[in-house]
């Protein structure tokens, strides 16, 4: 049910905070796609890959708001806050700890690769 996503060297090329945010979205989508698909199925909502991506992106935008961070102009520190909140959310959905920790480690590689941006 849960897939392990791995950051690639390509993900780290020309990295800035907006690209890092998009990598985080891709990671969360990859890890939680089945969770979102099941919710959509249960609620009888369209569950194409694009529908799920749109829902994941909207959920992450909401987490940015909850964290008091700017989705469109993220900072490295804001991204770290959002990742922490996403991990808590995933745990509340029953995502196994090893899956959460794996993805946090992958995203930490992204955050470590970012230049200090403020």
N, C-alpha and C. Protein backbone atom coordinates (compact mmCIF):
# COMPACT_ATOMS: atom_id res chain seq x y z
N UNK A 1 0.83 -1.20 0.00
CA UNK A 1 0.00 0.00 0.00
C UNK A 1 0.87 1.26 0.00
N UNK A 2 1.91 1.31 0.81
CA UNK A 2 2.75 2.50 0.89
C UNK A 2 4.00 2.29 0.06
N UNK A 3 4.26 3.23 -0.83
CA UNK A 3 5.44 3.17 -1.69
C UNK A 3 6.53 4.04 -1.08
N UNK A 4 7.76 3.58 -1.25
CA UNK A 4 8.91 4.38 -0.82
C UNK A 4 9.39 5.21 -2.02
N UNK A 5 9.43 6.49 -1.81
CA UNK A 5 9.91 7.43 -2.81
C UNK A 5 11.36 7.78 -2.48
N UNK A 6 12.18 7.95 -3.51
CA UNK A 6 13.58 8.30 -3.31
C UNK A 6 13.90 9.57 -4.08
N UNK A 7 14.56 10.50 -3.43
CA UNK A 7 15.01 11.72 -4.09
C UNK A 7 16.07 11.35 -5.12
N UNK A 8 16.02 11.99 -6.27
CA UNK A 8 16.99 11.71 -7.32
C UNK A 8 17.96 12.89 -7.45
N UNK A 9 19.07 12.62 -8.11
CA UNK A 9 20.03 13.71 -8.37
C UNK A 9 19.35 14.79 -9.20
N UNK A 10 18.47 14.40 -10.09
CA UNK A 10 17.75 15.36 -10.93
C UNK A 10 16.89 16.30 -10.07
N UNK A 11 16.29 15.75 -9.00
CA UNK A 11 15.49 16.58 -8.10
C UNK A 11 16.32 17.68 -7.47
N UNK A 12 17.61 17.44 -7.32
CA UNK A 12 18.49 18.38 -6.62
C UNK A 12 19.15 19.40 -7.55
N UNK A 13 18.98 19.21 -8.88
CA UNK A 13 19.55 20.15 -9.84
C UNK A 13 18.80 21.47 -9.82
N UNK A 14 19.55 22.56 -9.85
CA UNK A 14 18.97 23.90 -9.90
C UNK A 14 17.92 24.10 -8.80
N UNK A 15 18.23 23.60 -7.63
CA UNK A 15 17.27 23.59 -6.54
C UNK A 15 17.11 24.98 -5.91
N UNK A 16 15.88 25.40 -5.80
CA UNK A 16 15.53 26.57 -5.02
C UNK A 16 14.34 26.18 -4.16
N UNK A 17 13.82 27.09 -3.38
CA UNK A 17 12.74 26.71 -2.44
C UNK A 17 11.45 26.34 -3.16
N UNK A 18 11.17 26.93 -4.31
CA UNK A 18 9.95 26.58 -5.04
C UNK A 18 10.09 25.16 -5.61
N UNK A 19 11.25 24.85 -6.19
CA UNK A 19 11.45 23.49 -6.69
C UNK A 19 11.43 22.50 -5.53
N UNK A 20 12.02 22.88 -4.38
CA UNK A 20 12.00 22.00 -3.20
C UNK A 20 10.56 21.74 -2.76
N UNK A 21 9.73 22.77 -2.78
CA UNK A 21 8.30 22.61 -2.44
C UNK A 21 7.65 21.62 -3.39
N UNK A 22 7.94 21.73 -4.67
CA UNK A 22 7.35 20.82 -5.64
C UNK A 22 7.85 19.39 -5.46
N UNK A 23 9.11 19.23 -5.06
CA UNK A 23 9.64 17.90 -4.76
C UNK A 23 8.92 17.31 -3.55
N UNK A 24 8.66 18.15 -2.55
CA UNK A 24 7.92 17.70 -1.36
C UNK A 24 6.51 17.25 -1.77
N UNK A 25 5.87 18.00 -2.63
CA UNK A 25 4.53 17.62 -3.11
C UNK A 25 4.60 16.26 -3.81
N UNK A 26 5.59 16.10 -4.67
CA UNK A 26 5.74 14.82 -5.39
C UNK A 26 5.99 13.67 -4.41
N UNK A 27 6.83 13.90 -3.44
CA UNK A 27 7.12 12.88 -2.42
C UNK A 27 5.85 12.49 -1.68
N UNK A 28 5.11 13.49 -1.20
CA UNK A 28 3.90 13.21 -0.43
C UNK A 28 2.85 12.51 -1.30
N UNK A 29 2.74 12.95 -2.55
CA UNK A 29 1.83 12.28 -3.48
C UNK A 29 2.22 10.81 -3.65
N UNK A 30 3.50 10.58 -3.88
CA UNK A 30 3.98 9.21 -4.10
C UNK A 30 3.72 8.33 -2.88
N UNK A 31 3.95 8.88 -1.71
CA UNK A 31 3.81 8.10 -0.48
C UNK A 31 2.35 7.89 -0.08
N UNK A 32 1.51 8.86 -0.37
CA UNK A 32 0.13 8.83 0.14
C UNK A 32 -0.93 8.66 -0.95
N UNK A 33 -0.51 8.37 -2.17
CA UNK A 33 -1.45 8.25 -3.29
C UNK A 33 -2.59 7.27 -2.97
N UNK A 34 -2.24 6.12 -2.44
CA UNK A 34 -3.26 5.11 -2.15
C UNK A 34 -4.22 5.58 -1.06
N UNK A 35 -3.72 6.29 -0.07
CA UNK A 35 -4.58 6.82 0.99
C UNK A 35 -5.61 7.77 0.40
N UNK A 36 -5.14 8.70 -0.44
CA UNK A 36 -6.06 9.66 -1.06
C UNK A 36 -7.02 8.97 -2.02
N UNK A 37 -6.55 7.97 -2.76
CA UNK A 37 -7.42 7.24 -3.68
C UNK A 37 -8.55 6.54 -2.92
N UNK A 38 -8.21 5.94 -1.80
CA UNK A 38 -9.23 5.26 -0.99
C UNK A 38 -10.27 6.24 -0.46
N UNK A 39 -9.81 7.40 -0.02
CA UNK A 39 -10.75 8.41 0.49
C UNK A 39 -11.68 8.85 -0.63
N UNK A 40 -11.12 9.13 -1.81
CA UNK A 40 -11.94 9.56 -2.94
C UNK A 40 -12.93 8.46 -3.34
N UNK A 41 -12.48 7.22 -3.35
CA UNK A 41 -13.35 6.11 -3.69
C UNK A 41 -14.50 6.00 -2.68
N UNK A 42 -14.16 6.11 -1.43
CA UNK A 42 -15.18 6.02 -0.36
C UNK A 42 -16.22 7.13 -0.50
N UNK A 43 -15.76 8.32 -0.90
CA UNK A 43 -16.66 9.46 -1.05
C UNK A 43 -17.25 9.56 -2.46
N UNK A 44 -16.96 8.54 -3.29
CA UNK A 44 -17.48 8.48 -4.66
C UNK A 44 -17.07 9.71 -5.48
N UNK A 45 -15.80 10.12 -5.31
CA UNK A 45 -15.25 11.25 -6.05
C UNK A 45 -14.30 10.74 -7.12
N UNK A 46 -14.10 11.51 -8.19
CA UNK A 46 -13.16 11.10 -9.23
C UNK A 46 -11.77 10.86 -8.63
N UNK A 47 -11.11 9.79 -9.06
CA UNK A 47 -9.82 9.42 -8.47
C UNK A 47 -8.76 9.13 -9.52
N UNK A 48 -8.74 9.94 -10.59
CA UNK A 48 -7.65 9.80 -11.54
C UNK A 48 -6.36 10.28 -10.88
N UNK A 49 -5.24 9.97 -11.49
CA UNK A 49 -3.97 10.46 -10.95
C UNK A 49 -4.00 11.98 -10.81
N UNK A 50 -4.53 12.67 -11.81
CA UNK A 50 -4.57 14.14 -11.75
C UNK A 50 -5.49 14.62 -10.63
N UNK A 51 -6.63 13.96 -10.42
CA UNK A 51 -7.52 14.32 -9.31
C UNK A 51 -6.79 14.19 -7.98
N UNK A 52 -6.05 13.10 -7.84
CA UNK A 52 -5.33 12.85 -6.59
C UNK A 52 -4.21 13.88 -6.43
N UNK A 53 -3.47 14.18 -7.50
CA UNK A 53 -2.42 15.19 -7.42
C UNK A 53 -3.00 16.54 -7.02
N UNK A 54 -4.14 16.90 -7.59
CA UNK A 54 -4.78 18.17 -7.24
C UNK A 54 -5.18 18.19 -5.77
N UNK A 55 -5.71 17.08 -5.28
CA UNK A 55 -6.11 17.00 -3.87
C UNK A 55 -4.89 17.07 -2.95
N UNK A 56 -3.83 16.37 -3.31
CA UNK A 56 -2.60 16.41 -2.52
C UNK A 56 -2.06 17.84 -2.48
N UNK A 57 -2.01 18.50 -3.63
CA UNK A 57 -1.51 19.88 -3.67
C UNK A 57 -2.37 20.80 -2.81
N UNK A 58 -3.69 20.65 -2.88
CA UNK A 58 -4.59 21.47 -2.06
C UNK A 58 -4.36 21.19 -0.57
N UNK A 59 -4.16 19.93 -0.23
CA UNK A 59 -3.91 19.57 1.17
C UNK A 59 -2.60 20.19 1.66
N UNK A 60 -1.59 20.18 0.82
CA UNK A 60 -0.30 20.76 1.20
C UNK A 60 -0.40 22.28 1.30
N UNK A 61 -1.15 22.90 0.41
CA UNK A 61 -1.39 24.35 0.52
C UNK A 61 -2.04 24.67 1.87
N UNK A 62 -2.97 23.85 2.28
CA UNK A 62 -3.63 24.04 3.56
C UNK A 62 -2.64 23.92 4.72
N UNK A 63 -1.71 22.98 4.62
CA UNK A 63 -0.68 22.82 5.66
C UNK A 63 0.22 24.05 5.70
N UNK A 64 0.55 24.61 4.55
CA UNK A 64 1.33 25.85 4.53
C UNK A 64 0.58 26.94 5.30
N UNK A 65 -0.71 27.05 5.05
CA UNK A 65 -1.52 28.06 5.75
C UNK A 65 -1.51 27.79 7.25
N UNK A 66 -1.73 26.55 7.65
CA UNK A 66 -1.71 26.18 9.06
C UNK A 66 -0.38 26.53 9.70
N UNK A 67 0.71 26.34 8.97
CA UNK A 67 2.06 26.61 9.48
C UNK A 67 2.39 28.11 9.45
N UNK A 68 1.51 28.91 8.85
CA UNK A 68 1.78 30.34 8.72
C UNK A 68 2.86 30.63 7.69
N UNK A 69 2.95 29.77 6.68
CA UNK A 69 3.99 29.89 5.66
C UNK A 69 3.36 30.23 4.31
N UNK A 70 4.20 30.76 3.42
CA UNK A 70 3.76 31.19 2.10
C UNK A 70 4.02 30.08 1.07
N UNK A 71 2.97 29.50 0.54
CA UNK A 71 3.09 28.43 -0.45
C UNK A 71 3.83 28.90 -1.70
N UNK A 72 3.52 30.12 -2.15
CA UNK A 72 4.09 30.62 -3.40
C UNK A 72 5.52 31.12 -3.25
N UNK A 73 5.93 31.45 -2.06
CA UNK A 73 7.28 31.96 -1.82
C UNK A 73 7.84 31.31 -0.54
N UNK A 74 8.07 30.00 -0.60
CA UNK A 74 8.49 29.28 0.61
C UNK A 74 9.93 29.58 1.01
N UNK A 75 10.20 29.40 2.29
CA UNK A 75 11.57 29.48 2.80
C UNK A 75 12.01 28.08 3.20
N UNK A 76 13.30 27.91 3.36
CA UNK A 76 13.82 26.62 3.79
C UNK A 76 13.23 26.24 5.15
N UNK A 77 13.19 27.19 6.06
CA UNK A 77 12.65 26.93 7.39
C UNK A 77 11.16 26.62 7.34
N UNK A 78 10.43 27.32 6.47
CA UNK A 78 9.01 27.06 6.30
C UNK A 78 8.75 25.68 5.74
N UNK A 79 9.58 25.28 4.79
CA UNK A 79 9.45 23.93 4.22
C UNK A 79 9.67 22.87 5.30
N UNK A 80 10.65 23.09 6.16
CA UNK A 80 10.91 22.14 7.25
C UNK A 80 9.70 22.04 8.16
N UNK A 81 9.06 23.17 8.46
CA UNK A 81 7.85 23.15 9.30
C UNK A 81 6.73 22.36 8.63
N UNK A 82 6.55 22.60 7.34
CA UNK A 82 5.50 21.93 6.59
C UNK A 82 5.75 20.42 6.56
N UNK A 83 6.98 20.01 6.34
CA UNK A 83 7.31 18.58 6.32
C UNK A 83 6.98 17.94 7.67
N UNK A 84 7.28 18.62 8.74
CA UNK A 84 6.96 18.10 10.07
C UNK A 84 5.45 17.93 10.25
N UNK A 85 4.69 18.91 9.81
CA UNK A 85 3.22 18.82 9.90
C UNK A 85 2.68 17.71 8.99
N UNK A 86 3.25 17.56 7.81
CA UNK A 86 2.81 16.50 6.91
C UNK A 86 3.09 15.12 7.51
N UNK A 87 4.23 14.99 8.18
CA UNK A 87 4.56 13.72 8.83
C UNK A 87 3.54 13.42 9.93
N UNK A 88 3.16 14.43 10.70
CA UNK A 88 2.14 14.23 11.74
C UNK A 88 0.81 13.84 11.13
N UNK A 89 0.46 14.48 10.03
CA UNK A 89 -0.79 14.16 9.34
C UNK A 89 -0.77 12.71 8.85
N UNK A 90 0.34 12.32 8.22
CA UNK A 90 0.45 10.95 7.71
C UNK A 90 0.33 9.94 8.85
N UNK A 91 0.94 10.25 9.98
CA UNK A 91 0.86 9.35 11.15
C UNK A 91 -0.60 9.21 11.61
N UNK A 92 -1.33 10.32 11.61
CA UNK A 92 -2.73 10.27 12.04
C UNK A 92 -3.59 9.44 11.10
N UNK A 93 -3.13 9.25 9.85
CA UNK A 93 -3.86 8.43 8.88
C UNK A 93 -3.46 6.97 8.98
N UNK A 94 -2.52 6.66 9.86
CA UNK A 94 -2.10 5.28 10.02
C UNK A 94 -0.91 4.87 9.17
N UNK A 95 -0.21 5.84 8.60
CA UNK A 95 0.99 5.53 7.83
C UNK A 95 2.03 4.97 8.80
N UNK A 96 2.64 3.84 8.47
CA UNK A 96 3.65 3.25 9.36
C UNK A 96 4.83 4.19 9.61
N UNK A 97 5.37 4.12 10.83
CA UNK A 97 6.49 4.99 11.21
C UNK A 97 7.68 4.86 10.27
N UNK A 98 7.99 3.63 9.83
CA UNK A 98 9.16 3.46 8.96
C UNK A 98 8.98 4.16 7.62
N UNK A 99 7.76 4.22 7.14
CA UNK A 99 7.48 4.92 5.88
C UNK A 99 7.63 6.43 6.10
N UNK A 100 7.11 6.93 7.19
CA UNK A 100 7.23 8.36 7.50
C UNK A 100 8.70 8.74 7.64
N UNK A 101 9.44 7.96 8.40
CA UNK A 101 10.86 8.28 8.62
C UNK A 101 11.65 8.21 7.32
N UNK A 102 11.36 7.23 6.49
CA UNK A 102 12.05 7.13 5.20
C UNK A 102 11.86 8.41 4.39
N UNK A 103 10.62 8.88 4.29
CA UNK A 103 10.34 10.05 3.48
C UNK A 103 10.89 11.33 4.10
N UNK A 104 10.86 11.41 5.42
CA UNK A 104 11.48 12.57 6.08
C UNK A 104 12.98 12.60 5.77
N UNK A 105 13.63 11.45 5.77
CA UNK A 105 15.06 11.39 5.44
C UNK A 105 15.31 11.83 3.99
N UNK A 106 14.44 11.41 3.08
CA UNK A 106 14.60 11.80 1.68
C UNK A 106 14.43 13.32 1.53
N UNK A 107 13.44 13.87 2.18
CA UNK A 107 13.21 15.31 2.08
C UNK A 107 14.31 16.09 2.80
N UNK A 108 14.87 15.53 3.85
CA UNK A 108 15.98 16.21 4.52
C UNK A 108 17.15 16.38 3.55
N UNK A 109 17.36 15.42 2.66
CA UNK A 109 18.40 15.55 1.63
C UNK A 109 18.11 16.76 0.74
N UNK A 110 16.84 16.97 0.45
CA UNK A 110 16.45 18.13 -0.37
C UNK A 110 16.72 19.41 0.41
N UNK A 111 16.28 19.46 1.65
CA UNK A 111 16.47 20.66 2.47
C UNK A 111 17.96 20.95 2.68
N UNK A 112 18.75 19.92 2.87
CA UNK A 112 20.19 20.09 3.05
C UNK A 112 20.85 20.65 1.79
N UNK A 113 20.29 20.33 0.64
CA UNK A 113 20.86 20.79 -0.63
C UNK A 113 20.50 22.23 -0.95
N UNK A 114 19.51 22.76 -0.27
CA UNK A 114 19.10 24.15 -0.51
C UNK A 114 20.14 25.12 0.02
N UNK A 115 20.35 26.16 -0.71
CA UNK A 115 21.16 27.26 -0.19
C UNK A 115 20.31 27.99 0.85
N UNK A 116 20.94 28.60 1.79
CA UNK A 116 20.21 29.39 2.80
C UNK A 116 19.42 30.46 2.07
N UNK A 117 18.09 30.45 2.26
CA UNK A 117 17.26 31.38 1.50
C UNK A 117 16.50 32.37 2.39
N UNK A 118 16.66 32.27 3.66
CA UNK A 118 15.99 33.22 4.53
C UNK A 118 14.96 32.63 5.40
